[in-house]
Amino acid sequence: MNVTIIGAGLGGLVLARVLHVHGIGVTVYEAEPSPTARGQGGMLDIHDHNGQVALEAAGLTDGFRALVLDGHQATRILDRDGSIRYDEPDDGTGGRPEVQRGELRQLLLDSLPDGTVHWGHKVGGVRALGGGRHEVTFADGTTVTTTLLVGADGAWSKVRPLLSAATPEYTGRSYVETFLYDADTRHPAAAKAVGGGALFALAPGKGIQAHREKGDTLHAYVALTEPVQWFGDFTDAAAATERTAREFEGWAPELTALITDSDTAPVLRPLHTLPVEHRWDRVPSVTLVGDAAHLAAPNGEGANLAMLDGAELGRALAAHDDVEAALAGFEQAMFVRSAEAAADGDELHELLYGDDTPRGLVAMFQGK
């Protein structure tokens, strides 16, 4: 058996690593031209009940622990005037230590034999050939034929149509992403507001979320509940920044600085989801993991679920002589846990941006 994985994100790489540990051949095709072709996003809290379980199955717990940033589990909630509603320091006992996504991805890449990942292979289409075989066509016109295909290729998966007609739909909310570098020196008021970990400053339908990352960086996601057309053209960075900041007029300057003082051009991140109960009937020799299978509103579970998907699929394939039985068992378990996580994510977004925010979020953190 040689498994073909489309996508070198965290889910696909955990799957590749677990298969390698069990002596199963694997090839990964990735659209990006190299591991450093683009930024890999910010902080991830890796949970003890899914993400850490996946890394243990991959034999990478020690490597993961070496990447953990101490103190970054701290959480605070501020009112729009900058006053503190909730402040929880990181005492080191939590089950969701923080790491940089890019460093975690590199740990996984380094754990694979050279040549496992084929960079610069953007998928143009996939078709069934019969008998459980599939042909993957790349943008340059080359093709490969697979006997076991896994779509780990994210929200706009090219593999998903083999299994499901579902397509991601816009949630009605978008994030605007910003970065402030050398924050303690160059942006001290914003740095003080964010503190040592995560910040939430919220109002109905909008909010500013930020996190202190490695290297004295503040990484912010500014949420607005608007039609995607409302956000307009982000190629004009100054106009996009002004349009976004205008929605937070009257908020504390140390909070709005996370928008107006960004050291990078703002990036629009529209939020899309698949149906909460997304699932499909078994199709021979193909399956999905991560966002390709269960794209949901951001709730801290996406990367963790993707990694657990990869680990569980790898272990199932290693444990079963019957590949179809392994795929069926994996999918049924994944459908249940991903639906539960998506439903929890919808509830979290109501706490974040609903009419009762931030009171409900504060109560959640206080266990009320």
Foldseek 3Di string as FASTA:
>chain_A
DEEEEEALAQLRLLLCLLLVVLVHHYAYEYQAQDLVSDDDDFKAFAAPVFQLVSCVSSVCNVVVVVQFDPFAVWEWEAELQLHTPDTGTCPPPDGTTMGTRSSVSVSSVVSDDPRRYDYNFAWPAKDDPDPQKIWTAGPVGDIDIDNAYEYAPAQQTRQLVVWDPWHWDFPQKKWKKFKDAPCCPPPVLLDVSCDAHWYWHAAAQWTKIWTQGPRRMIIIITMHRHPPCVQPDQVPQVVSLVSSLVVSPPGHPSRNCRRVVGPDRIDMGTAIWTDLQFDGDDDHRYYYAFNSGTRAGDDSCRSSRSSSLSSQLSVLCSVDPDNSVSVVVSRVVSSVVSSVVRVVVVVVVCCRRNNPPPVSVSCVVVVD
